[in-house]
């Protein structure tokens, strides 16, 4: 069955980078951190798992060089829920 897609195969088209601005900002912060440093993401945390998934991926990719992050979801009477990330190794 022909659906009329008219597919044209092309050569030499470069693949753009995968990272988004939001992800690269988080990864760059992770890379700049030294042991004992931390930062908070204070905007309302509706999906803290998103940030924790990025942190987990970073931990896995840096495991062979001994770097590690840890996070906690915290709550403030003024700001509500937020996430704080520490460099622990």
PDB file of N, CA and C in Angstrom:
ATOM      1  N   UNK A   1       0.842  -1.182   0.000  1.00  0.00           N
ATOM      2  CA  UNK A   1       0.000   0.000   0.000  1.00  0.00           C
ATOM      3  C   UNK A   1       0.887   1.245   0.000  1.00  0.00           C
ATOM      4  N   UNK A   2       0.748   2.109  -0.973  1.00  0.00           N
ATOM      5  CA  UNK A   2       1.531   3.330  -1.091  1.00  0.00           C
ATOM      6  C   UNK A   2       0.787   4.466  -0.392  1.00  0.00           C
ATOM      7  N   UNK A   3       1.431   5.071   0.578  1.00  0.00           N
ATOM      8  CA  UNK A   3       0.790   6.175   1.320  1.00  0.00           C
ATOM      9  C   UNK A   3       1.253   7.526   0.808  1.00  0.00           C
ATOM     10  N   UNK A   4       2.098   7.554  -0.204  1.00  0.00           N
ATOM     11  CA  UNK A   4       2.518   8.815  -0.795  1.00  0.00           C
ATOM     12  C   UNK A   4       3.451   9.632   0.081  1.00  0.00           C
ATOM     13  N   UNK A   5       4.353   8.964   0.827  1.00  0.00           N
ATOM     14  CA  UNK A   5       5.247   9.690   1.718  1.00  0.00           C
ATOM     15  C   UNK A   5       6.352  10.413   0.956  1.00  0.00           C
ATOM     16  N   UNK A   6       6.703   9.949  -0.223  1.00  0.00           N
ATOM     17  CA  UNK A   6       7.718  10.605  -1.041  1.00  0.00           C
ATOM     18  C   UNK A   6       9.019  10.832  -0.262  1.00  0.00           C
ATOM     19  N   UNK A   7       9.609   9.729   0.234  1.00  0.00           N
ATOM     20  CA  UNK A   7      10.818   9.789   1.040  1.00  0.00           C
ATOM     21  C   UNK A   7      12.029   9.936   0.141  1.00  0.00           C
ATOM     22  N   UNK A   8      12.884  10.919   0.451  1.00  0.00           N
ATOM     23  CA  UNK A   8      14.118  11.163  -0.284  1.00  0.00           C
ATOM     24  C   UNK A   8      15.293  10.916   0.662  1.00  0.00           C
ATOM     25  N   UNK A   9      16.143   9.953   0.320  1.00  0.00           N
ATOM     26  CA  UNK A   9      17.315   9.642   1.134  1.00  0.00           C
ATOM     27  C   UNK A   9      18.377  10.701   0.869  1.00  0.00           C
ATOM     28  N   UNK A  10      18.967  11.266   1.943  1.00  0.00           N
ATOM     29  CA  UNK A  10      19.984  12.310   1.819  1.00  0.00           C
ATOM     30  C   UNK A  10      21.262  11.874   2.515  1.00  0.00           C
ATOM     31  N   UNK A  11      22.385  12.364   2.053  1.00  0.00           N
ATOM     32  CA  UNK A  11      23.690  12.049   2.624  1.00  0.00           C
ATOM     33  C   UNK A  11      24.326  13.309   3.200  1.00  0.00           C
ATOM     34  N   UNK A  12      25.156  13.122   4.254  1.00  0.00           N
ATOM     35  CA  UNK A  12      25.964  14.224   4.768  1.00  0.00           C
ATOM     36  C   UNK A  12      25.229  15.231   5.643  1.00  0.00           C
ATOM     37  N   UNK A  13      24.057  14.908   6.132  1.00  0.00           N
ATOM     38  CA  UNK A  13      23.326  15.819   7.015  1.00  0.00           C
ATOM     39  C   UNK A  13      23.816  15.554   8.451  1.00  0.00           C
ATOM     40  N   UNK A  14      24.446  16.551   9.131  1.00  0.00           N
ATOM     41  CA  UNK A  14      24.964  16.321  10.478  1.00  0.00           C
ATOM     42  C   UNK A  14      23.835  16.168  11.498  1.00  0.00           C
ATOM     43  N   UNK A  15      24.095  15.334  12.514  1.00  0.00           N
ATOM     44  CA  UNK A  15      23.133  15.140  13.596  1.00  0.00           C
ATOM     45  C   UNK A  15      23.346  16.248  14.623  1.00  0.00           C
ATOM     46  N   UNK A  16      22.315  17.015  14.975  1.00  0.00           N
ATOM     47  CA  UNK A  16      22.474  18.077  15.983  1.00  0.00           C
ATOM     48  C   UNK A  16      22.700  17.480  17.371  1.00  0.00           C
ATOM     49  N   UNK A  17      23.303  18.248  18.292  1.00  0.00           N
ATOM     50  CA  UNK A  17      23.518  17.738  19.650  1.00  0.00           C
ATOM     51  C   UNK A  17      22.203  17.401  20.330  1.00  0.00           C
ATOM     52  N   UNK A  18      22.247  16.434  21.238  1.00  0.00           N
ATOM     53  CA  UNK A  18      21.056  15.946  21.917  1.00  0.00           C
ATOM     54  C   UNK A  18      20.615  16.796  23.091  1.00  0.00           C
ATOM     55  N   UNK A  19      21.522  17.494  23.747  1.00  0.00           N
ATOM     56  CA  UNK A  19      21.171  18.189  24.980  1.00  0.00           C
ATOM     57  C   UNK A  19      20.248  19.375  24.715  1.00  0.00           C
ATOM     58  N   UNK A  20      19.391  19.628  25.691  1.00  0.00           N
ATOM     59  CA  UNK A  20      18.570  20.827  25.649  1.00  0.00           C
ATOM     60  C   UNK A  20      19.228  21.868  26.533  1.00  0.00           C
ATOM     61  N   UNK A  21      18.808  23.099  26.432  1.00  0.00           N
ATOM     62  CA  UNK A  21      19.396  24.167  27.244  1.00  0.00           C
ATOM     63  C   UNK A  21      19.236  23.859  28.738  1.00  0.00           C
ATOM     64  N   UNK A  22      18.084  23.367  29.129  1.00  0.00           N
ATOM     65  CA  UNK A  22      17.829  23.082  30.551  1.00  0.00           C
ATOM     66  C   UNK A  22      18.756  21.964  31.042  1.00  0.00           C
ATOM     67  N   UNK A  23      18.873  20.879  30.268  1.00  0.00           N
ATOM     68  CA  UNK A  23      19.730  19.772  30.681  1.00  0.00           C
ATOM     69  C   UNK A  23      21.191  20.187  30.727  1.00  0.00           C
ATOM     70  N   UNK A  24      21.657  20.907  29.715  1.00  0.00           N
ATOM     71  CA  UNK A  24      23.069  21.275  29.690  1.00  0.00           C
ATOM     72  C   UNK A  24      23.401  22.218  30.841  1.00  0.00           C
ATOM     73  N   UNK A  25      22.481  23.074  31.240  1.00  0.00           N
ATOM     74  CA  UNK A  25      22.711  23.972  32.377  1.00  0.00           C
ATOM     75  C   UNK A  25      22.912  23.168  33.664  1.00  0.00           C
ATOM     76  N   UNK A  26      22.096  22.144  33.854  1.00  0.00           N
ATOM     77  CA  UNK A  26      22.219  21.298  35.043  1.00  0.00           C
ATOM     78  C   UNK A  26      23.535  20.532  35.007  1.00  0.00           C
ATOM     79  N   UNK A  27      23.863  19.917  33.858  1.00  0.00           N
ATOM     80  CA  UNK A  27      25.108  19.145  33.752  1.00  0.00           C
ATOM     81  C   UNK A  27      26.333  20.033  33.939  1.00  0.00           C
ATOM     82  N   UNK A  28      26.304  21.248  33.404  1.00  0.00           N
ATOM     83  CA  UNK A  28      27.434  22.173  33.586  1.00  0.00           C
ATOM     84  C   UNK A  28      27.608  22.527  35.063  1.00  0.00           C
ATOM     85  N   UNK A  29      26.505  22.729  35.773  1.00  0.00           N
ATOM     86  CA  UNK A  29      26.587  23.012  37.220  1.00  0.00           C
ATOM     87  C   UNK A  29      27.190  21.818  37.942  1.00  0.00           C
ATOM     88  N   UNK A  30      26.757  20.606  37.600  1.00  0.00           N
ATOM     89  CA  UNK A  30      27.311  19.407  38.223  1.00  0.00           C
ATOM     90  C   UNK A  30      28.826  19.355  38.013  1.00  0.00           C
ATOM     91  N   UNK A  31      29.278  19.619  36.796  1.00  0.00           N
ATOM     92  CA  UNK A  31      30.703  19.529  36.469  1.00  0.00           C
ATOM     93  C   UNK A  31      31.541  20.578  37.193  1.00  0.00           C
ATOM     94  N   UNK A  32      30.966  21.750  37.489  1.00  0.00           N
ATOM     95  CA  UNK A  32      31.711  22.820  38.170  1.00  0.00           C
ATOM     96  C   UNK A  32      31.815  22.615  39.675  1.00  0.00           C
ATOM     97  N   UNK A  33      30.987  21.742  40.231  1.00  0.00           N
ATOM     98  CA  UNK A  33      30.927  21.580  41.683  1.00  0.00           C
ATOM     99  C   UNK A  33      32.157  20.864  42.225  1.00  0.00           C
ATOM    100  N   UNK A  34      32.559  21.282  43.426  1.00  0.00           N
ATOM    101  CA  UNK A  34      33.604  20.599  44.179  1.00  0.00           C
ATOM    102  C   UNK A  34      32.944  19.897  45.358  1.00  0.00           C
ATOM    103  N   UNK A  35      33.642  18.942  45.965  1.00  0.00           N
ATOM    104  CA  UNK A  35      33.098  18.210  47.110  1.00  0.00           C
ATOM    105  C   UNK A  35      32.680  19.209  48.188  1.00  0.00           C
ATOM    106  N   UNK A  36      31.456  19.053  48.698  1.00  0.00           N
ATOM    107  CA  UNK A  36      30.909  19.950  49.717  1.00  0.00           C
ATOM    108  C   UNK A  36      30.039  21.059  49.152  1.00  0.00           C
ATOM    109  N   UNK A  37      30.134  21.339  47.844  1.00  0.00           N
ATOM    110  CA  UNK A  37      29.289  22.357  47.213  1.00  0.00           C
ATOM    111  C   UNK A  37      27.865  21.831  47.070  1.00  0.00           C
ATOM    112  N   UNK A  38      26.902  22.764  47.040  1.00  0.00           N
ATOM    113  CA  UNK A  38      25.507  22.392  46.784  1.00  0.00           C
ATOM    114  C   UNK A  38      24.810  23.553  46.096  1.00  0.00           C
ATOM    115  N   UNK A  39      23.674  23.244  45.484  1.00  0.00           N
ATOM    116  CA  UNK A  39      22.818  24.300  44.955  1.00  0.00           C
ATOM    117  C   UNK A  39      21.369  23.848  45.078  1.00  0.00           C
ATOM    118  N   UNK A  40      20.466  24.826  45.101  1.00  0.00           N
ATOM    119  CA  UNK A  40      19.036  24.542  45.233  1.00  0.00           C
ATOM    120  C   UNK A  40      18.320  24.966  43.964  1.00  0.00           C
ATOM    121  N   UNK A  41      17.355  24.175  43.574  1.00  0.00           N
ATOM    122  CA  UNK A  41      16.425  24.558  42.512  1.00  0.00           C
ATOM    123  C   UNK A  41      15.145  24.912  43.239  1.00  0.00           C
ATOM    124  N   UNK A  42      14.888  26.219  43.335  1.00  0.00           N
ATOM    125  CA  UNK A  42      13.815  26.705  44.204  1.00  0.00           C
ATOM    126  C   UNK A  42      12.495  26.934  43.493  1.00  0.00           C
ATOM    127  N   UNK A  43      12.480  26.806  42.173  1.00  0.00           N
ATOM    128  CA  UNK A  43      11.189  26.912  41.508  1.00  0.00           C
ATOM    129  C   UNK A  43      10.319  25.755  41.972  1.00  0.00           C
ATOM    130  N   UNK A  44       9.025  25.870  41.877  1.00  0.00           N
ATOM    131  CA  UNK A  44       8.169  24.782  42.369  1.00  0.00           C
ATOM    132  C   UNK A  44       8.594  23.448  41.752  1.00  0.00           C
ATOM    133  N   UNK A  45       8.807  22.472  42.603  1.00  0.00           N
ATOM    134  CA  UNK A  45       9.276  21.166  42.130  1.00  0.00           C
ATOM    135  C   UNK A  45       8.061  20.256  41.963  1.00  0.00           C
ATOM    136  N   UNK A  46       7.516  20.253  40.750  1.00  0.00           N
ATOM    137  CA  UNK A  46       6.390  19.372  40.464  1.00  0.00           C
ATOM    138  C   UNK A  46       6.900  17.989  40.078  1.00  0.00           C
ATOM    139  N   UNK A  47       8.030  17.958  39.408  1.00  0.00           N
ATOM    140  CA  UNK A  47       8.608  16.700  38.948  1.00  0.00           C
ATOM    141  C   UNK A  47      10.046  16.570  39.428  1.00  0.00           C
ATOM    142  N   UNK A  48      10.283  16.404  40.732  1.00  0.00           N
ATOM    143  CA  UNK A  48      11.663  16.293  41.210  1.00  0.00           C
ATOM    144  C   UNK A  48      12.377  15.093  40.619  1.00  0.00           C
ATOM    145  N   UNK A  49      11.641  14.084  40.187  1.00  0.00           N
ATOM    146  CA  UNK A  49      12.260  12.897  39.598  1.00  0.00           C
ATOM    147  C   UNK A  49      13.046  13.269  38.345  1.00  0.00           C
ATOM    148  N   UNK A  50      12.596  14.286  37.605  1.00  0.00           N
ATOM    149  CA  UNK A  50      13.300  14.733  36.396  1.00  0.00           C
ATOM    150  C   UNK A  50      14.726  15.153  36.748  1.00  0.00           C
ATOM    151  N   UNK A  51      14.871  15.968  37.775  1.00  0.00           N
ATOM    152  CA  UNK A  51      16.194  16.437  38.204  1.00  0.00           C
ATOM    153  C   UNK A  51      16.995  15.266  38.755  1.00  0.00           C
ATOM    154  N   UNK A  52      16.362  14.419  39.542  1.00  0.00           N
ATOM    155  CA  UNK A  52      17.065  13.280  40.123  1.00  0.00           C
ATOM    156  C   UNK A  52      17.509  12.286  39.054  1.00  0.00           C
ATOM    157  N   UNK A  53      16.753  12.146  37.979  1.00  0.00           N
ATOM    158  CA  UNK A  53      17.168  11.280  36.873  1.00  0.00           C
ATOM    159  C   UNK A  53      18.418  11.839  36.195  1.00  0.00           C
ATOM    160  N   UNK A  54      18.476  13.163  36.028  1.00  0.00           N
ATOM    161  CA  UNK A  54      19.672  13.793  35.434  1.00  0.00           C
ATOM    162  C   UNK A  54      20.875  13.571  36.343  1.00  0.00           C
ATOM    163  N   UNK A  55      20.663  13.721  37.657  1.00  0.00           N
ATOM    164  CA  UNK A  55      21.737  13.526  38.612  1.00  0.00           C
ATOM    165  C   UNK A  55      22.227  12.078  38.574  1.00  0.00           C
ATOM    166  N   UNK A  56      21.314  11.125  38.501  1.00  0.00           N
ATOM    167  CA  UNK A  56      21.669   9.712  38.444  1.00  0.00           C
ATOM    168  C   UNK A  56      22.484   9.409  37.187  1.00  0.00           C
ATOM    169  N   UNK A  57      22.076   9.967  36.052  1.00  0.00           N
ATOM    170  CA  UNK A  57      22.825   9.767  34.802  1.00  0.00           C
ATOM    171  C   UNK A  57      24.222  10.354  34.928  1.00  0.00           C
ATOM    172  N   UNK A  58      24.340  11.540  35.530  1.00  0.00           N
ATOM    173  CA  UNK A  58      25.652  12.169  35.721  1.00  0.00           C
ATOM    174  C   UNK A  58      26.510  11.293  36.627  1.00  0.00           C
ATOM    175  N   UNK A  59      25.939  10.795  37.730  1.00  0.00           N
ATOM    176  CA  UNK A  59      26.675   9.917  38.641  1.00  0.00           C
ATOM    177  C   UNK A  59      27.214   8.697  37.903  1.00  0.00           C
ATOM    178  N   UNK A  60      26.390   8.057  37.085  1.00  0.00           N
ATOM    179  CA  UNK A  60      26.813   6.864  36.353  1.00  0.00           C
ATOM    180  C   UNK A  60      27.935   7.192  35.380  1.00  0.00           C
ATOM    181  N   UNK A  61      27.843   8.332  34.717  1.00  0.00           N
ATOM    182  CA  UNK A  61      28.862   8.681  33.727  1.00  0.00           C
ATOM    183  C   UNK A  61      30.179   9.109  34.373  1.00  0.00           C
ATOM    184  N   UNK A  62      30.164   9.528  35.643  1.00  0.00           N
ATOM    185  CA  UNK A  62      31.380   9.982  36.331  1.00  0.00           C
ATOM    186  C   UNK A  62      31.891   8.963  37.342  1.00  0.00           C
ATOM    187  N   UNK A  63      31.229   7.817  37.430  1.00  0.00           N
ATOM    188  CA  UNK A  63      31.586   6.807  38.430  1.00  0.00           C
ATOM    189  C   UNK A  63      33.053   6.403  38.340  1.00  0.00           C
ATOM    190  N   UNK A  64      33.583   6.261  37.118  1.00  0.00           N
ATOM    191  CA  UNK A  64      34.968   5.801  36.967  1.00  0.00           C
ATOM    192  C   UNK A  64      35.997   6.839  37.401  1.00  0.00           C
ATOM    193  N   UNK A  65      35.601   8.089  37.608  1.00  0.00           N
ATOM    194  CA  UNK A  65      36.539   9.109  38.100  1.00  0.00           C
ATOM    195  C   UNK A  65      36.241   9.491  39.551  1.00  0.00           C
ATOM    196  N   UNK A  66      35.334   8.765  40.192  1.00  0.00           N
ATOM    197  CA  UNK A  66      35.091   8.939  41.618  1.00  0.00           C
ATOM    198  C   UNK A  66      34.258  10.139  42.006  1.00  0.00           C
ATOM    199  N   UNK A  67      33.437  10.675  41.103  1.00  0.00           N
ATOM    200  CA  UNK A  67      32.570  11.812  41.447  1.00  0.00           C
ATOM    201  C   UNK A  67      31.168  11.303  41.739  1.00  0.00           C
ATOM    202  N   UNK A  68      30.497  11.955  42.711  1.00  0.00           N
ATOM    203  CA  UNK A  68      29.136  11.539  43.058  1.00  0.00           C
ATOM    204  C   UNK A  68      28.344  12.701  43.632  1.00  0.00           C
ATOM    205  N   UNK A  69      27.052  12.716  43.313  1.00  0.00           N
ATOM    206  CA  UNK A  69      26.115  13.723  43.815  1.00  0.00           C
ATOM    207  C   UNK A  69      25.057  13.048  44.678  1.00  0.00           C
ATOM    208  N   UNK A  70      24.430  13.839  45.536  1.00  0.00           N
ATOM    209  CA  UNK A  70      23.299  13.380  46.332  1.00  0.00           C
ATOM    210  C   UNK A  70      22.273  14.505  46.373  1.00  0.00           C
ATOM    211  N   UNK A  71      20.992  14.164  46.521  1.00  0.00           N
ATOM    212  CA  UNK A  71      19.962  15.202  46.555  1.00  0.00           C
ATOM    213  C   UNK A  71      18.924  14.902  47.620  1.00  0.00           C
ATOM    214  N   UNK A  72      18.226  15.945  48.007  1.00  0.00           N
ATOM    215  CA  UNK A  72      17.108  15.827  48.935  1.00  0.00           C
ATOM    216  C   UNK A  72      16.012  16.783  48.476  1.00  0.00           C
ATOM    217  N   UNK A  73      14.782  16.331  48.614  1.00  0.00           N
ATOM    218  CA  UNK A  73      13.639  17.212  48.390  1.00  0.00           C
ATOM    219  C   UNK A  73      13.309  17.806  49.747  1.00  0.00           C
ATOM    220  N   UNK A  74      13.340  19.114  49.841  1.00  0.00           N
ATOM    221  CA  UNK A  74      13.141  19.823  51.100  1.00  0.00           C
ATOM    222  C   UNK A  74      11.888  20.679  51.011  1.00  0.00           C
ATOM    223  N   UNK A  75      11.431  21.151  52.143  1.00  0.00           N
ATOM    224  CA  UNK A  75      10.252  22.005  52.161  1.00  0.00           C
ATOM    225  C   UNK A  75      10.490  23.179  53.092  1.00  0.00           C
ATOM    226  N   UNK A  76      10.111  24.353  52.621  1.00  0.00           N
ATOM    227  CA  UNK A  76      10.240  25.581  53.391  1.00  0.00           C
ATOM    228  C   UNK A  76       8.855  26.180  53.564  1.00  0.00           C
ATOM    229  N   UNK A  77       8.606  26.783  54.712  1.00  0.00           N
ATOM    230  CA  UNK A  77       7.315  27.447  54.929  1.00  0.00           C
ATOM    231  C   UNK A  77       7.113  28.600  53.962  1.00  0.00           C
ATOM    232  N   UNK A  78       8.210  29.220  53.542  1.00  0.00           N
ATOM    233  CA  UNK A  78       8.133  30.374  52.655  1.00  0.00           C
ATOM    234  C   UNK A  78       8.099  29.954  51.186  1.00  0.00           C
ATOM    235  N   UNK A  79       8.976  29.029  50.803  1.00  0.00           N
ATOM    236  CA  UNK A  79       9.151  28.697  49.383  1.00  0.00           C
ATOM    237  C   UNK A  79       8.465  27.407  48.947  1.00  0.00           C
ATOM    238  N   UNK A  80       7.951  26.629  49.859  1.00  0.00           N
ATOM    239  CA  UNK A  80       7.362  25.349  49.492  1.00  0.00           C
ATOM    240  C   UNK A  80       8.446  24.322  49.201  1.00  0.00           C
ATOM    241  N   UNK A  81       8.127  23.313  48.401  1.00  0.00           N
ATOM    242  CA  UNK A  81       9.081  22.244  48.102  1.00  0.00           C
ATOM    243  C   UNK A  81      10.139  22.729  47.118  1.00  0.00           C
ATOM    244  N   UNK A  82      11.364  22.262  47.351  1.00  0.00           N
ATOM    245  CA  UNK A  82      12.463  22.512  46.423  1.00  0.00           C
ATOM    246  C   UNK A  82      13.453  21.379  46.546  1.00  0.00           C
ATOM    247  N   UNK A  83      14.377  21.316  45.613  1.00  0.00           N
ATOM    248  CA  UNK A  83      15.373  20.252  45.626  1.00  0.00           C
ATOM    249  C   UNK A  83      16.758  20.867  45.816  1.00  0.00           C
ATOM    250  N   UNK A  84      17.575  20.231  46.645  1.00  0.00           N
ATOM    251  CA  UNK A  84      18.965  20.663  46.846  1.00  0.00           C
ATOM    252  C   UNK A  84      19.858  19.503  46.462  1.00  0.00           C
ATOM    253  N   UNK A  85      20.945  19.816  45.734  1.00  0.00           N
ATOM    254  CA  UNK A  85      21.886  18.817  45.245  1.00  0.00           C
ATOM    255  C   UNK A  85      23.268  19.130  45.806  1.00  0.00           C
ATOM    256  N   UNK A  86      23.943  18.094  46.354  1.00  0.00           N
ATOM    257  CA  UNK A  86      25.283  18.216  46.918  1.00  0.00           C
ATOM    258  C   UNK A  86      26.267  17.370  46.127  1.00  0.00           C
ATOM    259  N   UNK A  87      27.494  17.850  45.999  1.00  0.00           N
ATOM    260  CA  UNK A  87      28.588  17.005  45.496  1.00  0.00           C
ATOM    261  C   UNK A  87      29.212  16.364  46.721  1.00  0.00           C
ATOM    262  N   UNK A  88      29.190  15.018  46.804  1.00  0.00           N
ATOM    263  CA  UNK A  88      29.684  14.327  47.991  1.00  0.00           C
ATOM    264  C   UNK A  88      30.994  13.575  47.751  1.00  0.00           C
ATOM    265  N   UNK A  89      31.385  13.353  46.513  1.00  0.00           N
ATOM    266  CA  UNK A  89      32.679  12.719  46.194  1.00  0.00           C
ATOM    267  C   UNK A  89      33.303  13.435  45.018  1.00  0.00           C
TER     268      UNK A  89
END
